[in-house]
PDB file of N, CA and C in Angstrom:
ATOM      1  N   MET A   1      16.135  10.326 -13.540  1.00  0.00           N
ATOM      2  CA  MET A   1      16.976  11.342 -13.024  1.00  0.00           C
ATOM      3  C   MET A   1      17.152  12.578 -13.780  1.00  0.00           C
ATOM      4  N   GLU A   2      16.802  12.529 -14.971  1.00  0.00           N
ATOM      5  CA  GLU A   2      16.836  13.957 -15.685  1.00  0.00           C
ATOM      6  C   GLU A   2      15.727  14.936 -15.316  1.00  0.00           C
ATOM      7  N   ASN A   3      14.813  14.583 -14.430  1.00  0.00           N
ATOM      8  CA  ASN A   3      13.812  15.507 -13.932  1.00  0.00           C
ATOM      9  C   ASN A   3      14.477  16.365 -12.807  1.00  0.00           C
ATOM     10  N   LEU A   4      15.601  15.889 -12.289  1.00  0.00           N
ATOM     11  CA  LEU A   4      16.111  16.664 -11.147  1.00  0.00           C
ATOM     12  C   LEU A   4      16.659  18.143 -11.596  1.00  0.00           C
ATOM     13  N   ASN A   5      16.975  18.299 -12.784  1.00  0.00           N
ATOM     14  CA  ASN A   5      17.421  19.386 -13.323  1.00  0.00           C
ATOM     15  C   ASN A   5      16.378  20.474 -13.950  1.00  0.00           C
ATOM     16  N   LYS A   6      15.236  19.942 -13.873  1.00  0.00           N
ATOM     17  CA  LYS A   6      14.083  20.553 -14.278  1.00  0.00           C
ATOM     18  C   LYS A   6      13.844  21.735 -13.486  1.00  0.00           C
ATOM     19  N   SER A   7      13.177  22.832 -13.855  1.00  0.00           N
ATOM     20  CA  SER A   7      12.777  24.035 -13.096  1.00  0.00           C
ATOM     21  C   SER A   7      11.461  23.711 -12.350  1.00  0.00           C
ATOM     22  N   CYS A   8      11.371  24.208 -11.283  1.00  0.00           N
ATOM     23  CA  CYS A   8      10.314  24.148 -10.495  1.00  0.00           C
ATOM     24  C   CYS A   8       8.940  24.552 -11.093  1.00  0.00           C
ATOM     25  N   PHE A   9       7.836  23.842 -11.166  1.00  0.00           N
ATOM     26  CA  PHE A   9       6.649  24.030 -11.785  1.00  0.00           C
ATOM     27  C   PHE A   9       6.106  25.449 -11.194  1.00  0.00           C
ATOM     28  N   MET A  10       6.275  25.725  -9.799  1.00  0.00           N
ATOM     29  CA  MET A  10       5.585  26.593  -9.197  1.00  0.00           C
ATOM     30  C   MET A  10       6.330  27.904  -9.295  1.00  0.00           C
ATOM     31  N   CYS A  11       7.673  27.935  -8.907  1.00  0.00           N
ATOM     32  CA  CYS A  11       8.573  29.135  -8.944  1.00  0.00           C
ATOM     33  C   CYS A  11       9.641  29.391 -10.015  1.00  0.00           C
ATOM     34  N   GLY A  12       9.892  28.305 -10.775  1.00  0.00           N
ATOM     35  CA  GLY A  12      10.981  28.269 -11.928  1.00  0.00           C
ATOM     36  C   GLY A  12      12.425  28.121 -11.269  1.00  0.00           C
ATOM     37  N   ALA A  13      12.670  27.874  -9.947  1.00  0.00           N
ATOM     38  CA  ALA A  13      13.880  27.650  -9.522  1.00  0.00           C
ATOM     39  C   ALA A  13      14.543  26.235  -9.985  1.00  0.00           C
ATOM     40  N   VAL A  14      15.865  26.341 -10.443  1.00  0.00           N
ATOM     41  CA  VAL A  14      16.546  25.219 -10.772  1.00  0.00           C
ATOM     42  C   VAL A  14      17.413  24.692  -9.793  1.00  0.00           C
ATOM     43  N   ASP A  15      17.009  23.566  -9.229  1.00  0.00           N
ATOM     44  CA  ASP A  15      17.685  23.188  -7.809  1.00  0.00           C
ATOM     45  C   ASP A  15      17.576  21.619  -7.966  1.00  0.00           C
ATOM     46  N   SER A  16      18.706  20.894  -7.378  1.00  0.00           N
ATOM     47  CA  SER A  16      18.493  19.544  -7.377  1.00  0.00           C
ATOM     48  C   SER A  16      17.547  18.905  -6.345  1.00  0.00           C
ATOM     49  N   ASP A  17      17.321  19.624  -5.361  1.00  0.00           N
ATOM     50  CA  ASP A  17      16.414  19.060  -4.410  1.00  0.00           C
ATOM     51  C   ASP A  17      14.940  19.420  -4.702  1.00  0.00           C
ATOM     52  N   GLY A  18      13.961  18.419  -4.557  1.00  0.00           N
ATOM     53  CA  GLY A  18      12.624  18.605  -4.653  1.00  0.00           C
ATOM     54  C   GLY A  18      11.846  17.358  -4.919  1.00  0.00           C
ATOM     55  N   ILE A  19      10.735  17.402  -5.302  1.00  0.00           N
ATOM     56  CA  ILE A  19      10.089  16.086  -5.607  1.00  0.00           C
ATOM     57  C   ILE A  19       9.433  16.225  -7.078  1.00  0.00           C
ATOM     58  N   ILE A  20       9.296  14.998  -7.571  1.00  0.00           N
ATOM     59  CA  ILE A  20       8.508  15.014  -9.064  1.00  0.00           C
ATOM     60  C   ILE A  20       7.162  14.479  -8.747  1.00  0.00           C
ATOM     61  N   LEU A  21       6.383  15.205  -9.282  1.00  0.00           N
ATOM     62  CA  LEU A  21       4.705  14.907  -9.120  1.00  0.00           C
ATOM     63  C   LEU A  21       4.026  14.979 -10.614  1.00  0.00           C
ATOM     64  N   ASN A  22       3.755  13.726 -10.900  1.00  0.00           N
ATOM     65  CA  ASN A  22       3.081  13.464 -12.285  1.00  0.00           C
ATOM     66  C   ASN A  22       4.044  14.147 -13.222  1.00  0.00           C
ATOM     67  N   GLY A  23       5.509  13.852 -13.013  1.00  0.00           N
ATOM     68  CA  GLY A  23       6.299  14.396 -14.164  1.00  0.00           C
ATOM     69  C   GLY A  23       6.991  15.861 -13.902  1.00  0.00           C
ATOM     70  N   GLU A  24       6.430  16.423 -12.971  1.00  0.00           N
ATOM     71  CA  GLU A  24       6.667  18.011 -12.995  1.00  0.00           C
ATOM     72  C   GLU A  24       7.381  18.015 -11.577  1.00  0.00           C
ATOM     73  N   LYS A  25       8.389  18.945 -11.556  1.00  0.00           N
ATOM     74  CA  LYS A  25       9.201  19.244 -10.605  1.00  0.00           C
ATOM     75  C   LYS A  25       8.630  20.214  -9.439  1.00  0.00           C
ATOM     76  N   ILE A  26       8.795  19.985  -8.143  1.00  0.00           N
ATOM     77  CA  ILE A  26       8.336  20.991  -7.232  1.00  0.00           C
ATOM     78  C   ILE A  26       9.558  21.209  -6.343  1.00  0.00           C
ATOM     79  N   CYS A  27      10.217  22.266  -6.213  1.00  0.00           N
ATOM     80  CA  CYS A  27      11.442  22.392  -5.467  1.00  0.00           C
ATOM     81  C   CYS A  27      11.082  22.254  -3.984  1.00  0.00           C
ATOM     82  N   ARG A  28      12.220  22.179  -3.207  1.00  0.00           N
ATOM     83  CA  ARG A  28      11.951  21.744  -1.741  1.00  0.00           C
ATOM     84  C   ARG A  28      11.326  22.966  -1.096  1.00  0.00           C
ATOM     85  N   ALA A  29      11.559  24.222  -1.395  1.00  0.00           N
ATOM     86  CA  ALA A  29      11.050  25.377  -0.905  1.00  0.00           C
ATOM     87  C   ALA A  29       9.547  25.432  -1.179  1.00  0.00           C
ATOM     88  N   CYS A  30       9.001  25.344  -2.282  1.00  0.00           N
ATOM     89  CA  CYS A  30       7.524  25.254  -2.577  1.00  0.00           C
ATOM     90  C   CYS A  30       7.171  24.058  -2.002  1.00  0.00           C
ATOM     91  N   GLU A  31       7.746  22.862  -1.786  1.00  0.00           N
ATOM     92  CA  GLU A  31       7.205  21.736  -1.165  1.00  0.00           C
ATOM     93  C   GLU A  31       6.657  22.091   0.144  1.00  0.00           C
ATOM     94  N   GLU A  32       7.849  22.680   1.025  1.00  0.00           N
ATOM     95  CA  GLU A  32       7.574  23.102   2.116  1.00  0.00           C
ATOM     96  C   GLU A  32       6.481  24.125   2.415  1.00  0.00           C
ATOM     97  N   LYS A  33       6.411  25.051   1.648  1.00  0.00           N
ATOM     98  CA  LYS A  33       5.469  26.112   1.566  1.00  0.00           C
ATOM     99  C   LYS A  33       3.884  25.278   1.393  1.00  0.00           C
ATOM    100  N   ILE A  34       3.814  24.252   0.598  1.00  0.00           N
ATOM    101  CA  ILE A  34       2.633  23.758   0.255  1.00  0.00           C
ATOM    102  C   ILE A  34       2.178  22.955   1.573  1.00  0.00           C
ATOM    103  N   VAL A  35       3.291  22.284   2.299  1.00  0.00           N
ATOM    104  CA  VAL A  35       2.963  21.316   3.252  1.00  0.00           C
ATOM    105  C   VAL A  35       2.536  22.351   4.431  1.00  0.00           C
ATOM    106  N   LYS A  36       2.942  23.349   4.623  1.00  0.00           N
ATOM    107  CA  LYS A  36       2.801  24.193   5.837  1.00  0.00           C
ATOM    108  C   LYS A  36       1.680  25.145   5.557  1.00  0.00           C
ATOM    109  N   ALA A  37       1.112  25.147   4.346  1.00  0.00           N
ATOM    110  CA  ALA A  37       0.070  26.151   4.103  1.00  0.00           C
ATOM    111  C   ALA A  37      -1.314  25.812   4.883  1.00  0.00           C
ATOM    112  N   ASN A  38      -1.824  26.712   5.311  1.00  0.00           N
ATOM    113  CA  ASN A  38      -3.204  26.579   5.970  1.00  0.00           C
ATOM    114  C   ASN A  38      -4.262  27.220   4.986  1.00  0.00           C
ATOM    115  N   VAL A  39      -5.505  26.708   5.214  1.00  0.00           N
ATOM    116  CA  VAL A  39      -6.519  27.107   4.117  1.00  0.00           C
ATOM    117  C   VAL A  39      -6.783  28.702   4.363  1.00  0.00           C
ATOM    118  N   ASN A  40      -6.433  29.236   5.589  1.00  0.00           N
ATOM    119  CA  ASN A  40      -6.659  30.573   5.721  1.00  0.00           C
ATOM    120  C   ASN A  40      -5.432  31.418   5.026  1.00  0.00           C
ATOM    121  N   ASP A  41      -4.341  30.846   4.666  1.00  0.00           N
ATOM    122  CA  ASP A  41      -3.268  31.644   4.105  1.00  0.00           C
ATOM    123  C   ASP A  41      -3.600  32.193   2.811  1.00  0.00           C
ATOM    124  N   SER A  42      -3.013  33.356   2.403  1.00  0.00           N
ATOM    125  CA  SER A  42      -3.461  33.850   1.351  1.00  0.00           C
ATOM    126  C   SER A  42      -2.989  33.190   0.049  1.00  0.00           C
ATOM    127  N   ASP A  43      -1.826  32.351   0.116  1.00  0.00           N
ATOM    128  CA  ASP A  43      -1.208  31.724  -0.987  1.00  0.00           C
ATOM    129  C   ASP A  43      -1.884  30.368  -1.102  1.00  0.00           C
ATOM    130  N   TYR A  44      -2.848  29.772  -0.203  1.00  0.00           N
ATOM    131  CA  TYR A  44      -3.392  28.575  -0.275  1.00  0.00           C
ATOM    132  C   TYR A  44      -3.826  28.048  -1.594  1.00  0.00           C
ATOM    133  N   ASP A  45      -4.757  29.169  -2.279  1.00  0.00           N
ATOM    134  CA  ASP A  45      -5.304  28.773  -3.567  1.00  0.00           C
ATOM    135  C   ASP A  45      -4.463  28.663  -4.588  1.00  0.00           C
ATOM    136  N   VAL A  46      -3.463  29.344  -4.458  1.00  0.00           N
ATOM    137  CA  VAL A  46      -2.318  29.462  -5.552  1.00  0.00           C
ATOM    138  C   VAL A  46      -1.648  28.158  -5.494  1.00  0.00           C
ATOM    139  N   TYR A  47      -1.261  27.486  -4.212  1.00  0.00           N
ATOM    140  CA  TYR A  47      -0.666  26.204  -4.233  1.00  0.00           C
ATOM    141  C   TYR A  47      -1.515  25.086  -4.564  1.00  0.00           C
ATOM    142  N   LYS A  48      -2.844  25.165  -4.193  1.00  0.00           N
ATOM    143  CA  LYS A  48      -3.868  24.211  -4.500  1.00  0.00           C
ATOM    144  C   LYS A  48      -4.175  23.970  -5.894  1.00  0.00           C
ATOM    145  N   ASP A  49      -4.217  25.312  -6.562  1.00  0.00           N
ATOM    146  CA  ASP A  49      -4.498  25.277  -8.055  1.00  0.00           C
ATOM    147  C   ASP A  49      -3.372  24.649  -8.736  1.00  0.00           C
ATOM    148  N   ALA A  50      -1.998  25.074  -8.277  1.00  0.00           N
ATOM    149  CA  ALA A  50      -0.738  24.514  -9.093  1.00  0.00           C
ATOM    150  C   ALA A  50      -0.822  23.033  -8.963  1.00  0.00           C
ATOM    151  N   VAL A  51      -1.163  22.510  -7.952  1.00  0.00           N
ATOM    152  CA  VAL A  51      -1.059  20.916  -7.721  1.00  0.00           C
ATOM    153  C   VAL A  51      -2.302  20.328  -8.495  1.00  0.00           C
ATOM    154  N   LYS A  52      -3.301  20.957  -8.494  1.00  0.00           N
ATOM    155  CA  LYS A  52      -4.300  20.509  -9.467  1.00  0.00           C
ATOM    156  C   LYS A  52      -3.981  20.500 -10.778  1.00  0.00           C
ATOM    157  N   ILE A  53      -3.294  21.460 -11.266  1.00  0.00           N
ATOM    158  CA  ILE A  53      -2.683  21.539 -12.784  1.00  0.00           C
ATOM    159  C   ILE A  53      -1.838  20.255 -12.946  1.00  0.00           C
ATOM    160  N   ILE A  54      -0.997  20.077 -11.962  1.00  0.00           N
ATOM    161  CA  ILE A  54       0.012  19.048 -12.032  1.00  0.00           C
ATOM    162  C   ILE A  54      -0.670  17.650 -12.217  1.00  0.00           C
ATOM    163  N   LEU A  55      -1.547  17.514 -11.048  1.00  0.00           N
ATOM    164  CA  LEU A  55      -2.198  15.999 -11.059  1.00  0.00           C
ATOM    165  C   LEU A  55      -3.312  15.758 -12.106  1.00  0.00           C
ATOM    166  N   PHE A  56      -3.954  16.643 -12.768  1.00  0.00           N
ATOM    167  CA  PHE A  56      -4.937  16.485 -13.672  1.00  0.00           C
ATOM    168  C   PHE A  56      -4.437  17.141 -15.112  1.00  0.00           C
ATOM    169  N   ASN A  57      -3.270  17.156 -15.121  1.00  0.00           N
ATOM    170  CA  ASN A  57      -2.656  17.659 -16.532  1.00  0.00           C
ATOM    171  C   ASN A  57      -3.369  18.789 -17.037  1.00  0.00           C
ATOM    172  N   GLU A  58      -3.969  19.699 -16.361  1.00  0.00           N
ATOM    173  CA  GLU A  58      -4.639  20.949 -16.881  1.00  0.00           C
ATOM    174  C   GLU A  58      -3.669  21.823 -17.866  1.00  0.00           C
ATOM    175  N   HIS A  59      -2.494  21.948 -17.482  1.00  0.00           N
ATOM    176  CA  HIS A  59      -1.570  22.658 -18.289  1.00  0.00           C
ATOM    177  C   HIS A  59      -1.485  22.271 -19.799  1.00  0.00           C
ATOM    178  N   ALA A  60      -1.749  20.827 -20.172  1.00  0.00           N
ATOM    179  CA  ALA A  60      -1.653  20.252 -21.523  1.00  0.00           C
ATOM    180  C   ALA A  60      -2.981  20.973 -22.199  1.00  0.00           C
ATOM    181  N   LYS A  61      -3.910  21.190 -21.429  1.00  0.00           N
ATOM    182  CA  LYS A  61      -5.236  21.878 -22.050  1.00  0.00           C
ATOM    183  C   LYS A  61      -5.242  23.516 -22.515  1.00  0.00           C
ATOM    184  N   ARG A  62      -4.127  23.989 -22.100  1.00  0.00           N
ATOM    185  CA  ARG A  62      -4.015  25.316 -22.485  1.00  0.00           C
ATOM    186  C   ARG A  62      -3.708  25.580 -23.895  1.00  0.00           C
TER     187      ARG A  62
END
């Protein structure tokens, strides 16, 4: 439950709503943007890359 107060990995918002993915929080707003994103959207690659960083723990390699 301590992860509920973490800031969103994508936008930095601190909100109690959201999901935890591989230990990182994604707020409800960003989650909805990811779900609704189309491959032709300008932000699609940003969302895709952020999820890849979370899933493959690439932020630990920085």
